[in-house]
C-alpha cells in the first residue's frame, strides 16, 4: 500500500460513522460508473419488466427465490 493511501485511510478512519458511511457509498458508486455495465443492467431491467407485463414470468418474493436457488444448488 502506498504511503499516500495509508494516510488517506488513517484519516478516513478518524471520521464519524455517518461520514465514513457516506464516503463508502460515494467510493462504491464511483466503481460502478461503467456506462457499458449500466446500459446492460438497463436492458436487463427492461427485459424483465416486459416478461412480467406479458405474463411470461411471475413475481416471487426474495425468500421464495432464495429457497428455489438453494434447492437447485443442492441437487
PDB file of N, CA and C in Angstrom:
ATOM      1  N   UNK A   1       0.847  -1.170   0.000  1.00  0.00           N
ATOM      2  CA  UNK A   1       0.000   0.000   0.000  1.00  0.00           C
ATOM      3  C   UNK A   1       0.892   1.232   0.000  1.00  0.00           C
ATOM      4  N   UNK A   2       0.530   2.206  -0.788  1.00  0.00           N
ATOM      5  CA  UNK A   2       1.340   3.412  -0.874  1.00  0.00           C
ATOM      6  C   UNK A   2       1.163   4.265   0.375  1.00  0.00           C
ATOM      7  N   UNK A   3       2.146   5.078   0.657  1.00  0.00           N
ATOM      8  CA  UNK A   3       2.103   5.958   1.819  1.00  0.00           C
ATOM      9  C   UNK A   3       0.916   6.910   1.722  1.00  0.00           C
ATOM     10  N   UNK A   4       0.657   7.438   0.532  1.00  0.00           N
ATOM     11  CA  UNK A   4      -0.459   8.357   0.337  1.00  0.00           C
ATOM     12  C   UNK A   4      -1.783   7.661   0.681  1.00  0.00           C
ATOM     13  N   UNK A   5      -1.931   6.423   0.261  1.00  0.00           N
ATOM     14  CA  UNK A   5      -3.142   5.669   0.534  1.00  0.00           C
ATOM     15  C   UNK A   5      -3.263   5.365   2.033  1.00  0.00           C
ATOM     16  N   UNK A   6      -2.157   5.042   2.659  1.00  0.00           N
ATOM     17  CA  UNK A   6      -2.174   4.766   4.098  1.00  0.00           C
ATOM     18  C   UNK A   6      -2.611   5.996   4.891  1.00  0.00           C
ATOM     19  N   UNK A   7      -2.122   7.166   4.496  1.00  0.00           N
ATOM     20  CA  UNK A   7      -2.501   8.408   5.160  1.00  0.00           C
ATOM     21  C   UNK A   7      -3.986   8.671   4.953  1.00  0.00           C
ATOM     22  N   UNK A   8      -4.458   8.511   3.737  1.00  0.00           N
ATOM     23  CA  UNK A   8      -5.868   8.718   3.425  1.00  0.00           C
ATOM     24  C   UNK A   8      -6.749   7.766   4.227  1.00  0.00           C
ATOM     25  N   UNK A   9      -6.344   6.501   4.298  1.00  0.00           N
ATOM     26  CA  UNK A   9      -7.101   5.513   5.050  1.00  0.00           C
ATOM     27  C   UNK A   9      -7.156   5.889   6.539  1.00  0.00           C
ATOM     28  N   UNK A  10      -6.041   6.280   7.098  1.00  0.00           N
ATOM     29  CA  UNK A  10      -5.994   6.667   8.511  1.00  0.00           C
ATOM     30  C   UNK A  10      -6.912   7.854   8.778  1.00  0.00           C
ATOM     31  N   UNK A  11      -6.906   8.819   7.885  1.00  0.00           N
ATOM     32  CA  UNK A  11      -7.768   9.994   8.056  1.00  0.00           C
ATOM     33  C   UNK A  11      -9.243   9.603   7.936  1.00  0.00           C
ATOM     34  N   UNK A  12      -9.548   8.730   6.983  1.00  0.00           N
ATOM     35  CA  UNK A  12     -10.936   8.302   6.804  1.00  0.00           C
ATOM     36  C   UNK A  12     -11.439   7.565   8.041  1.00  0.00           C
ATOM     37  N   UNK A  13     -10.595   6.770   8.660  1.00  0.00           N
ATOM     38  CA  UNK A  13     -10.997   6.022   9.851  1.00  0.00           C
ATOM     39  C   UNK A  13     -11.232   6.920  11.064  1.00  0.00           C
ATOM     40  N   UNK A  14     -10.760   8.136  11.020  1.00  0.00           N
ATOM     41  CA  UNK A  14     -10.996   9.092  12.097  1.00  0.00           C
ATOM     42  C   UNK A  14     -12.365   9.762  11.980  1.00  0.00           C
ATOM     43  N   UNK A  15     -13.006   9.632  10.822  1.00  0.00           N
ATOM     44  CA  UNK A  15     -14.308  10.266  10.600  1.00  0.00           C
ATOM     45  C   UNK A  15     -15.386   9.615  11.457  1.00  0.00           C
ATOM     46  N   UNK A  16     -16.428  10.366  11.772  1.00  0.00           N
ATOM     47  CA  UNK A  16     -17.569   9.771  12.472  1.00  0.00           C
ATOM     48  C   UNK A  16     -18.221   8.703  11.582  1.00  0.00           C
ATOM     49  N   UNK A  17     -18.903   7.730  12.182  1.00  0.00           N
ATOM     50  CA  UNK A  17     -19.518   6.653  11.393  1.00  0.00           C
ATOM     51  C   UNK A  17     -20.394   7.124  10.239  1.00  0.00           C
ATOM     52  N   UNK A  18     -21.204   8.141  10.457  1.00  0.00           N
ATOM     53  CA  UNK A  18     -22.085   8.620   9.379  1.00  0.00           C
ATOM     54  C   UNK A  18     -21.273   9.149   8.197  1.00  0.00           C
ATOM     55  N   UNK A  19     -20.190   9.853   8.483  1.00  0.00           N
ATOM     56  CA  UNK A  19     -19.341  10.377   7.408  1.00  0.00           C
ATOM     57  C   UNK A  19     -18.605   9.248   6.683  1.00  0.00           C
ATOM     58  N   UNK A  20     -18.160   8.236   7.437  1.00  0.00           N
ATOM     59  CA  UNK A  20     -17.498   7.080   6.802  1.00  0.00           C
ATOM     60  C   UNK A  20     -18.477   6.340   5.903  1.00  0.00           C
ATOM     61  N   UNK A  21     -19.724   6.214   6.360  1.00  0.00           N
ATOM     62  CA  UNK A  21     -20.751   5.558   5.562  1.00  0.00           C
ATOM     63  C   UNK A  21     -21.015   6.330   4.267  1.00  0.00           C
ATOM     64  N   UNK A  22     -21.097   7.643   4.382  1.00  0.00           N
ATOM     65  CA  UNK A  22     -21.297   8.487   3.193  1.00  0.00           C
ATOM     66  C   UNK A  22     -20.124   8.328   2.220  1.00  0.00           C
ATOM     67  N   UNK A  23     -18.914   8.359   2.750  1.00  0.00           N
ATOM     68  CA  UNK A  23     -17.727   8.197   1.918  1.00  0.00           C
ATOM     69  C   UNK A  23     -17.714   6.831   1.242  1.00  0.00           C
ATOM     70  N   UNK A  24     -18.092   5.812   1.983  1.00  0.00           N
ATOM     71  CA  UNK A  24     -18.134   4.461   1.425  1.00  0.00           C
ATOM     72  C   UNK A  24     -19.110   4.386   0.261  1.00  0.00           C
ATOM     73  N   UNK A  25     -20.306   4.948   0.441  1.00  0.00           N
ATOM     74  CA  UNK A  25     -21.289   4.935  -0.652  1.00  0.00           C
ATOM     75  C   UNK A  25     -20.750   5.652  -1.884  1.00  0.00           C
ATOM     76  N   UNK A  26     -20.094   6.781  -1.676  1.00  0.00           N
ATOM     77  CA  UNK A  26     -19.536   7.532  -2.811  1.00  0.00           C
ATOM     78  C   UNK A  26     -18.446   6.737  -3.518  1.00  0.00           C
ATOM     79  N   UNK A  27     -17.578   6.078  -2.760  1.00  0.00           N
ATOM     80  CA  UNK A  27     -16.494   5.291  -3.355  1.00  0.00           C
ATOM     81  C   UNK A  27     -17.044   4.102  -4.137  1.00  0.00           C
ATOM     82  N   UNK A  28     -18.016   3.418  -3.559  1.00  0.00           N
ATOM     83  CA  UNK A  28     -18.611   2.275  -4.262  1.00  0.00           C
ATOM     84  C   UNK A  28     -19.305   2.739  -5.540  1.00  0.00           C
ATOM     85  N   UNK A  29     -20.022   3.834  -5.456  1.00  0.00           N
ATOM     86  CA  UNK A  29     -20.704   4.360  -6.648  1.00  0.00           C
ATOM     87  C   UNK A  29     -19.706   4.707  -7.742  1.00  0.00           C
ATOM     88  N   UNK A  30     -18.533   5.179  -7.351  1.00  0.00           N
ATOM     89  CA  UNK A  30     -17.534   5.537  -8.357  1.00  0.00           C
ATOM     90  C   UNK A  30     -16.995   4.309  -9.075  1.00  0.00           C
ATOM     91  N   UNK A  31     -17.049   3.151  -8.435  1.00  0.00           N
ATOM     92  CA  UNK A  31     -16.593   1.912  -9.068  1.00  0.00           C
ATOM     93  C   UNK A  31     -17.623   1.377 -10.047  1.00  0.00           C
ATOM     94  N   UNK A  32     -18.888   1.697  -9.810  1.00  0.00           N
ATOM     95  CA  UNK A  32     -19.977   1.188 -10.644  1.00  0.00           C
ATOM     96  C   UNK A  32     -20.311   2.114 -11.803  1.00  0.00           C
ATOM     97  N   UNK A  33     -19.434   3.031 -12.125  1.00  0.00           N
ATOM     98  CA  UNK A  33     -19.746   4.051 -13.117  1.00  0.00           C
ATOM     99  C   UNK A  33     -19.423   3.636 -14.554  1.00  0.00           C
ATOM    100  N   UNK A  34     -19.358   2.345 -14.840  1.00  0.00           N
ATOM    101  CA  UNK A  34     -19.053   1.868 -16.193  1.00  0.00           C
ATOM    102  C   UNK A  34     -20.317   1.982 -17.051  1.00  0.00           C
ATOM    103  N   UNK A  35     -20.333   2.865 -18.040  1.00  0.00           N
ATOM    104  CA  UNK A  35     -21.535   3.073 -18.864  1.00  0.00           C
ATOM    105  C   UNK A  35     -22.005   1.789 -19.560  1.00  0.00           C
ATOM    106  N   UNK A  36     -21.082   0.951 -19.949  1.00  0.00           N
ATOM    107  CA  UNK A  36     -21.453  -0.295 -20.622  1.00  0.00           C
ATOM    108  C   UNK A  36     -22.214  -1.220 -19.670  1.00  0.00           C
ATOM    109  N   UNK A  37     -21.747  -1.297 -18.447  1.00  0.00           N
ATOM    110  CA  UNK A  37     -22.420  -2.122 -17.440  1.00  0.00           C
ATOM    111  C   UNK A  37     -23.788  -1.533 -17.110  1.00  0.00           C
ATOM    112  N   UNK A  38     -23.843  -0.227 -16.947  1.00  0.00           N
ATOM    113  CA  UNK A  38     -25.114   0.426 -16.649  1.00  0.00           C
ATOM    114  C   UNK A  38     -26.124   0.192 -17.769  1.00  0.00           C
ATOM    115  N   UNK A  39     -25.683   0.261 -19.018  1.00  0.00           N
ATOM    116  CA  UNK A  39     -26.578   0.033 -20.160  1.00  0.00           C
ATOM    117  C   UNK A  39     -27.067  -1.411 -20.172  1.00  0.00           C
ATOM    118  N   UNK A  40     -26.190  -2.348 -19.847  1.00  0.00           N
ATOM    119  CA  UNK A  40     -26.583  -3.754 -19.809  1.00  0.00           C
ATOM    120  C   UNK A  40     -27.640  -3.996 -18.724  1.00  0.00           C
ATOM    121  N   UNK A  41     -27.459  -3.366 -17.553  1.00  0.00           N
ATOM    122  CA  UNK A  41     -28.456  -3.510 -16.487  1.00  0.00           C
ATOM    123  C   UNK A  41     -29.778  -2.880 -16.899  1.00  0.00           C
ATOM    124  N   UNK A  42     -29.730  -1.777 -17.586  1.00  0.00           N
ATOM    125  CA  UNK A  42     -30.947  -1.118 -18.067  1.00  0.00           C
ATOM    126  C   UNK A  42     -31.713  -2.035 -19.022  1.00  0.00           C
ATOM    127  N   UNK A  43     -30.985  -2.674 -19.937  1.00  0.00           N
ATOM    128  CA  UNK A  43     -31.617  -3.614 -20.870  1.00  0.00           C
ATOM    129  C   UNK A  43     -32.219  -4.801 -20.132  1.00  0.00           C
ATOM    130  N   UNK A  44     -31.496  -5.320 -19.144  1.00  0.00           N
ATOM    131  CA  UNK A  44     -31.996  -6.460 -18.378  1.00  0.00           C
ATOM    132  C   UNK A  44     -33.250  -6.082 -17.604  1.00  0.00           C
ATOM    133  N   UNK A  45     -33.265  -4.905 -17.005  1.00  0.00           N
ATOM    134  CA  UNK A  45     -34.449  -4.450 -16.272  1.00  0.00           C
ATOM    135  C   UNK A  45     -35.643  -4.317 -17.213  1.00  0.00           C
ATOM    136  N   UNK A  46     -35.417  -3.770 -18.400  1.00  0.00           N
ATOM    137  CA  UNK A  46     -36.489  -3.638 -19.395  1.00  0.00           C
ATOM    138  C   UNK A  46     -36.998  -5.008 -19.825  1.00  0.00           C
ATOM    139  N   UNK A  47     -36.076  -5.955 -20.026  1.00  0.00           N
ATOM    140  CA  UNK A  47     -36.454  -7.308 -20.433  1.00  0.00           C
ATOM    141  C   UNK A  47     -37.314  -7.972 -19.366  1.00  0.00           C
ATOM    142  N   UNK A  48     -36.909  -7.829 -18.115  1.00  0.00           N
ATOM    143  CA  UNK A  48     -37.660  -8.438 -17.014  1.00  0.00           C
ATOM    144  C   UNK A  48     -39.032  -7.793 -16.856  1.00  0.00           C
ATOM    145  N   UNK A  49     -39.094  -6.489 -16.999  1.00  0.00           N
ATOM    146  CA  UNK A  49     -40.376  -5.792 -16.903  1.00  0.00           C
ATOM    147  C   UNK A  49     -41.320  -6.251 -18.015  1.00  0.00           C
ATOM    148  N   UNK A  50     -40.806  -6.382 -19.225  1.00  0.00           N
ATOM    149  CA  UNK A  50     -41.624  -6.833 -20.348  1.00  0.00           C
ATOM    150  C   UNK A  50     -42.113  -8.267 -20.123  1.00  0.00           C
ATOM    151  N   UNK A  51     -41.264  -9.124 -19.568  1.00  0.00           N
ATOM    152  CA  UNK A  51     -41.666 -10.505 -19.288  1.00  0.00           C
ATOM    153  C   UNK A  51     -42.793 -10.547 -18.267  1.00  0.00           C
ATOM    154  N   UNK A  52     -42.705  -9.698 -17.256  1.00  0.00           N
ATOM    155  CA  UNK A  52     -43.779  -9.648 -16.252  1.00  0.00           C
ATOM    156  C   UNK A  52     -45.076  -9.131 -16.859  1.00  0.00           C
ATOM    157  N   UNK A  53     -44.980  -8.096 -17.680  1.00  0.00           N
ATOM    158  CA  UNK A  53     -46.175  -7.500 -18.283  1.00  0.00           C
ATOM    159  C   UNK A  53     -46.857  -8.440 -19.273  1.00  0.00           C
ATOM    160  N   UNK A  54     -46.082  -9.303 -19.922  1.00  0.00           N
ATOM    161  CA  UNK A  54     -46.656 -10.226 -20.905  1.00  0.00           C
ATOM    162  C   UNK A  54     -47.000 -11.580 -20.298  1.00  0.00           C
ATOM    163  N   UNK A  55     -46.908 -11.682 -18.985  1.00  0.00           N
ATOM    164  CA  UNK A  55     -47.205 -12.922 -18.257  1.00  0.00           C
ATOM    165  C   UNK A  55     -46.291 -14.083 -18.637  1.00  0.00           C
ATOM    166  N   UNK A  56     -45.120 -13.786 -19.162  1.00  0.00           N
ATOM    167  CA  UNK A  56     -44.119 -14.825 -19.455  1.00  0.00           C
ATOM    168  C   UNK A  56     -43.304 -15.153 -18.204  1.00  0.00           C
ATOM    169  N   UNK A  57     -43.458 -14.341 -17.191  1.00  0.00           N
ATOM    170  CA  UNK A  57     -42.746 -14.549 -15.930  1.00  0.00           C
ATOM    171  C   UNK A  57     -43.686 -14.143 -14.801  1.00  0.00           C
ATOM    172  N   UNK A  58     -43.431 -14.692 -13.631  1.00  0.00           N
ATOM    173  CA  UNK A  58     -44.228 -14.326 -12.467  1.00  0.00           C
ATOM    174  C   UNK A  58     -43.310 -13.829 -11.365  1.00  0.00           C
ATOM    175  N   UNK A  59     -43.852 -12.964 -10.545  1.00  0.00           N
ATOM    176  CA  UNK A  59     -43.074 -12.427  -9.433  1.00  0.00           C
ATOM    177  C   UNK A  59     -43.068 -13.427  -8.284  1.00  0.00           C
ATOM    178  N   UNK A  60     -41.938 -13.505  -7.606  1.00  0.00           N
ATOM    179  CA  UNK A  60     -41.842 -14.294  -6.379  1.00  0.00           C
ATOM    180  C   UNK A  60     -41.124 -13.441  -5.340  1.00  0.00           C
ATOM    181  N   UNK A  61     -41.365 -13.747  -4.090  1.00  0.00           N
ATOM    182  CA  UNK A  61     -40.698 -12.998  -3.032  1.00  0.00           C
ATOM    183  C   UNK A  61     -39.211 -13.345  -3.023  1.00  0.00           C
ATOM    184  N   UNK A  62     -38.439 -12.488  -2.403  1.00  0.00           N
ATOM    185  CA  UNK A  62     -36.998 -12.758  -2.296  1.00  0.00           C
ATOM    186  C   UNK A  62     -36.757 -14.057  -1.541  1.00  0.00           C
ATOM    187  N   UNK A  63     -37.549 -14.288  -0.501  1.00  0.00           N
ATOM    188  CA  UNK A  63     -37.400 -15.515   0.286  1.00  0.00           C
ATOM    189  C   UNK A  63     -37.667 -16.748  -0.578  1.00  0.00           C
ATOM    190  N   UNK A  64     -38.712 -16.708  -1.381  1.00  0.00           N
ATOM    191  CA  UNK A  64     -39.029 -17.836  -2.254  1.00  0.00           C
ATOM    192  C   UNK A  64     -37.948 -18.034  -3.317  1.00  0.00           C
ATOM    193  N   UNK A  65     -37.456 -16.948  -3.867  1.00  0.00           N
ATOM    194  CA  UNK A  65     -36.390 -17.045  -4.874  1.00  0.00           C
ATOM    195  C   UNK A  65     -35.152 -17.702  -4.270  1.00  0.00           C
ATOM    196  N   UNK A  66     -34.790 -17.306  -3.054  1.00  0.00           N
ATOM    197  CA  UNK A  66     -33.623 -17.899  -2.396  1.00  0.00           C
ATOM    198  C   UNK A  66     -33.843 -19.389  -2.127  1.00  0.00           C
ATOM    199  N   UNK A  67     -35.047 -19.765  -1.719  1.00  0.00           N
ATOM    200  CA  UNK A  67     -35.358 -21.175  -1.484  1.00  0.00           C
ATOM    201  C   UNK A  67     -35.221 -21.978  -2.772  1.00  0.00           C
ATOM    202  N   UNK A  68     -35.715 -21.422  -3.878  1.00  0.00           N
ATOM    203  CA  UNK A  68     -35.609 -22.105  -5.168  1.00  0.00           C
ATOM    204  C   UNK A  68     -34.157 -22.266  -5.590  1.00  0.00           C
ATOM    205  N   UNK A  69     -33.357 -21.216  -5.404  1.00  0.00           N
ATOM    206  CA  UNK A  69     -31.951 -21.301  -5.759  1.00  0.00           C
ATOM    207  C   UNK A  69     -31.206 -22.312  -4.901  1.00  0.00           C
ATOM    208  N   UNK A  70     -31.461 -22.308  -3.598  1.00  0.00           N
ATOM    209  CA  UNK A  70     -30.816 -23.274  -2.713  1.00  0.00           C
ATOM    210  C   UNK A  70     -31.191 -24.706  -3.102  1.00  0.00           C
ATOM    211  N   UNK A  71     -32.442 -24.895  -3.473  1.00  0.00           N
ATOM    212  CA  UNK A  71     -32.899 -26.222  -3.888  1.00  0.00           C
ATOM    213  C   UNK A  71     -32.169 -26.675  -5.141  1.00  0.00           C
ATOM    214  N   UNK A  72     -32.013 -25.786  -6.095  1.00  0.00           N
ATOM    215  CA  UNK A  72     -31.299 -26.128  -7.333  1.00  0.00           C
ATOM    216  C   UNK A  72     -29.841 -26.430  -7.076  1.00  0.00           C
ATOM    217  N   UNK A  73     -29.221 -25.666  -6.193  1.00  0.00           N
ATOM    218  CA  UNK A  73     -27.799 -25.862  -5.895  1.00  0.00           C
ATOM    219  C   UNK A  73     -27.557 -27.143  -5.109  1.00  0.00           C
ATOM    220  N   UNK A  74     -28.540 -27.584  -4.362  1.00  0.00           N
ATOM    221  CA  UNK A  74     -28.400 -28.792  -3.544  1.00  0.00           C
ATOM    222  C   UNK A  74     -28.428 -30.065  -4.380  1.00  0.00           C
ATOM    223  N   UNK A  75     -28.922 -29.976  -5.575  1.00  0.00           N
ATOM    224  CA  UNK A  75     -29.034 -31.171  -6.442  1.00  0.00           C
ATOM    225  C   UNK A  75     -27.709 -31.663  -6.901  1.00  0.00           C
TER     226      UNK A  75
END
